[in-house]
Amino acid sequence: MSRITPSLWFDDNLEEAMEFYASVFPDAKIHGTARYPEGGMGEPGKVMTGDFELLGQRFNAINGGPHFKFSEAISFIIDCEDQAEVDYYWDKLTQGGGAESQCGWVKDKFGVSWQIVPKALYRTVTGSDPAGAQRATKAMLGMKKLIVADLEKAYRGE
């Protein structure tokens, strides 16, 4: 069976990134790495490629040099059960040089973009009350980190 595996291009800090992600995501797994050999394109002994898993999603990555940078054109969505989970991922992914953005988006210290989304967002912005959904959407657009209580209040018109 075919599967799609995102492949990430790091400059030269892939090993640090894998260790960081393994510290952030419960049950993260580092499946393996390959190192640059003597006479290869990279620094001998440094990680060339790595395979890891976050929340059941497999990733492949390479230390490919400074040729390409991450952008918000690609992001990874983390579906969160509640505000505590939103707060956890928000705090962890912005630590050490990450940056907050709008509407639940953050960029981690490696430049990878993440959308930290509570299930309440889906309930409110697509709810059966069109006016409530519009209010919740407007509230979301004014937030950096998504706040469940504020989304629900906006949906109810409070």
Protein backbone atom coordinates (compact mmCIF):
# COMPACT_ATOMS: atom_id res chain seq x y z
CA MET A 1 0.00 0.00 0.00
CA SER A 2 1.37 3.41 -0.93
CA ARG A 3 1.70 6.14 1.65
CA ILE A 4 2.76 9.74 1.57
CA THR A 5 5.65 10.72 3.82
CA PRO A 6 6.51 14.40 4.20
CA SER A 7 10.19 15.06 3.61
CA LEU A 8 11.75 18.07 5.33
CA TRP A 9 14.93 19.88 4.23
CA PHE A 10 17.12 21.23 7.03
CA ASP A 11 20.30 23.23 6.58
CA ASP A 12 22.56 21.36 9.00
CA ASN A 13 20.53 20.90 12.21
CA LEU A 14 18.41 17.84 11.47
CA GLU A 15 19.68 15.88 14.46
CA GLU A 16 18.83 18.78 16.80
CA ALA A 17 15.39 19.08 15.19
CA MET A 18 14.60 15.38 15.61
CA GLU A 19 15.64 15.52 19.28
CA PHE A 20 13.53 18.66 19.79
CA TYR A 21 10.44 17.12 18.17
CA ALA A 22 10.92 13.92 20.17
CA SER A 23 10.86 16.04 23.35
CA VAL A 24 7.66 17.84 22.29
CA PHE A 25 5.44 15.07 20.92
CA PRO A 26 4.33 12.18 23.14
CA ASP A 27 5.29 8.77 21.77
CA ALA A 28 7.60 10.32 19.16
CA LYS A 29 9.98 7.84 17.57
CA ILE A 30 13.27 8.33 15.81
CA HIS A 31 13.43 5.38 13.43
CA GLY A 32 16.93 5.90 12.17
CA THR A 33 19.57 8.12 10.69
CA ALA A 34 22.22 7.87 8.00
CA ARG A 35 25.45 9.80 8.40
CA TYR A 36 27.66 11.40 5.79
CA PRO A 37 30.61 9.14 4.95
CA GLU A 38 34.20 10.23 4.46
CA GLY A 39 34.53 11.84 1.05
CA GLY A 40 30.79 12.49 0.81
CA MET A 41 28.95 15.74 0.15
CA GLY A 42 28.61 16.65 3.85
CA GLU A 43 30.70 16.73 6.99
CA PRO A 44 31.76 13.13 7.75
CA GLY A 45 29.80 11.68 10.66
CA LYS A 46 27.08 14.36 10.61
CA VAL A 47 23.50 13.20 10.12
CA MET A 48 22.65 13.18 6.41
CA THR A 49 19.07 11.84 6.60
CA GLY A 50 16.68 10.81 9.33
CA ASP A 51 13.34 9.11 9.70
CA PHE A 52 11.06 9.95 12.62
CA GLU A 53 7.43 9.76 13.66
CA LEU A 54 5.24 12.32 15.42
CA LEU A 55 1.71 11.46 16.57
CA GLY A 56 1.69 8.50 14.19
CA GLN A 57 2.85 10.54 11.14
CA ARG A 58 6.10 9.40 9.60
CA PHE A 59 8.60 12.03 8.37
CA ASN A 60 11.81 11.81 6.40
CA ALA A 61 14.34 14.63 6.56
CA ILE A 62 17.71 15.61 5.15
CA ASN A 63 20.54 17.93 6.10
CA GLY A 64 20.76 19.36 2.62
CA GLY A 65 22.44 22.70 3.20
CA PRO A 66 21.21 26.28 3.01
CA HIS A 67 19.64 26.07 -0.46
CA PHE A 68 15.99 25.86 0.62
CA LYS A 69 14.04 27.37 3.54
CA PHE A 70 10.73 26.47 5.14
CA SER A 71 7.76 28.76 4.52
CA GLU A 72 4.15 28.98 5.63
CA ALA A 73 3.16 27.51 2.27
CA ILE A 74 3.48 24.14 4.02
CA SER A 75 2.33 23.61 7.60
CA PHE A 76 1.37 20.72 9.83
CA ILE A 77 -1.93 20.73 11.72
CA ILE A 78 -2.01 19.44 15.28
CA ASP A 79 -5.60 18.59 16.25
CA CYS A 80 -5.99 19.28 19.97
CA GLU A 81 -8.68 17.99 22.30
CA ASP A 82 -8.81 21.02 24.58
CA GLN A 83 -7.19 24.27 25.70
CA ALA A 84 -4.60 22.46 27.80
CA GLU A 85 -3.34 20.62 24.73
CA VAL A 86 -3.35 23.84 22.66
CA ASP A 87 -1.34 25.59 25.40
CA TYR A 88 1.13 22.70 25.62
CA TYR A 89 1.97 22.63 21.90
CA TRP A 90 1.93 26.43 21.61
CA ASP A 91 4.42 26.80 24.44
CA LYS A 92 6.68 23.94 23.34
CA LEU A 93 6.85 24.87 19.66
CA THR A 94 7.49 28.58 20.28
CA GLN A 95 10.24 27.98 22.85
CA GLY A 96 13.86 28.65 22.01
CA GLY A 97 13.29 30.98 19.07
CA GLY A 98 9.93 29.95 17.66
CA ALA A 99 7.43 32.64 16.67
CA GLU A 100 3.71 33.17 17.15
CA SER A 101 1.60 34.01 14.14
CA GLN A 102 -2.14 34.45 13.60
CA CYS A 103 -5.12 32.11 13.80
CA GLY A 104 -3.36 29.33 15.70
CA TRP A 105 -0.18 29.23 13.61
CA VAL A 106 3.34 29.09 15.02
CA LYS A 107 6.73 28.68 13.46
CA ASP A 108 9.20 26.60 15.47
CA LYS A 109 12.85 27.50 15.93
CA PHE A 110 13.74 25.55 12.77
CA GLY A 111 11.27 27.51 10.64
CA VAL A 112 8.66 24.73 10.33
CA SER A 113 5.05 26.04 10.48
CA TRP A 114 2.43 24.38 12.65
CA GLN A 115 -1.29 25.00 13.05
CA ILE A 116 -2.38 24.27 16.61
CA VAL A 117 -6.11 23.71 16.32
CA PRO A 118 -8.59 22.83 19.08
CA LYS A 119 -11.56 20.66 18.11
CA ALA A 120 -13.72 23.57 19.31
CA LEU A 121 -12.60 25.57 16.27
CA TYR A 122 -14.25 23.10 13.91
CA ARG A 123 -17.42 23.01 16.04
CA THR A 124 -17.72 26.79 16.13
CA VAL A 125 -16.68 27.98 12.67
CA THR A 126 -18.73 25.27 10.94
CA GLY A 127 -21.59 25.14 13.45
CA SER A 128 -25.24 24.93 12.46
CA ASP A 129 -25.86 28.58 13.43
CA PRO A 130 -24.53 30.68 10.51
CA ALA A 131 -24.38 33.88 12.59
CA GLY A 132 -22.54 32.04 15.36
CA ALA A 133 -20.10 30.54 12.87
CA GLN A 134 -19.45 34.00 11.45
CA ARG A 135 -18.82 35.42 14.95
CA ALA A 136 -16.48 32.53 15.80
CA THR A 137 -14.58 33.00 12.53
CA LYS A 138 -14.19 36.71 13.23
CA ALA A 139 -12.95 35.92 16.76
CA MET A 140 -10.44 33.40 15.36
CA LEU A 141 -9.09 35.95 12.90
CA GLY A 142 -8.28 38.26 15.81
CA MET A 143 -6.35 35.64 17.80
CA LYS A 144 -2.81 34.43 17.77
CA LYS A 145 -3.17 31.34 19.99
CA LEU A 146 -6.69 29.96 19.68
CA ILE A 147 -8.63 30.23 22.93
CA VAL A 148 -11.42 27.68 23.20
CA ALA A 149 -13.54 29.67 25.67
CA ASP A 150 -13.38 32.78 23.45
CA LEU A 151 -14.36 30.84 20.34
CA GLU A 152 -17.32 29.28 22.14
CA LYS A 153 -18.43 32.62 23.61
CA ALA A 154 -18.27 34.24 20.18
CA TYR A 155 -20.30 31.40 18.70
CA ARG A 156 -22.98 31.85 21.36
CA GLY A 157 -22.95 35.63 20.86
CA GLU A 158 -21.73 36.46 24.36
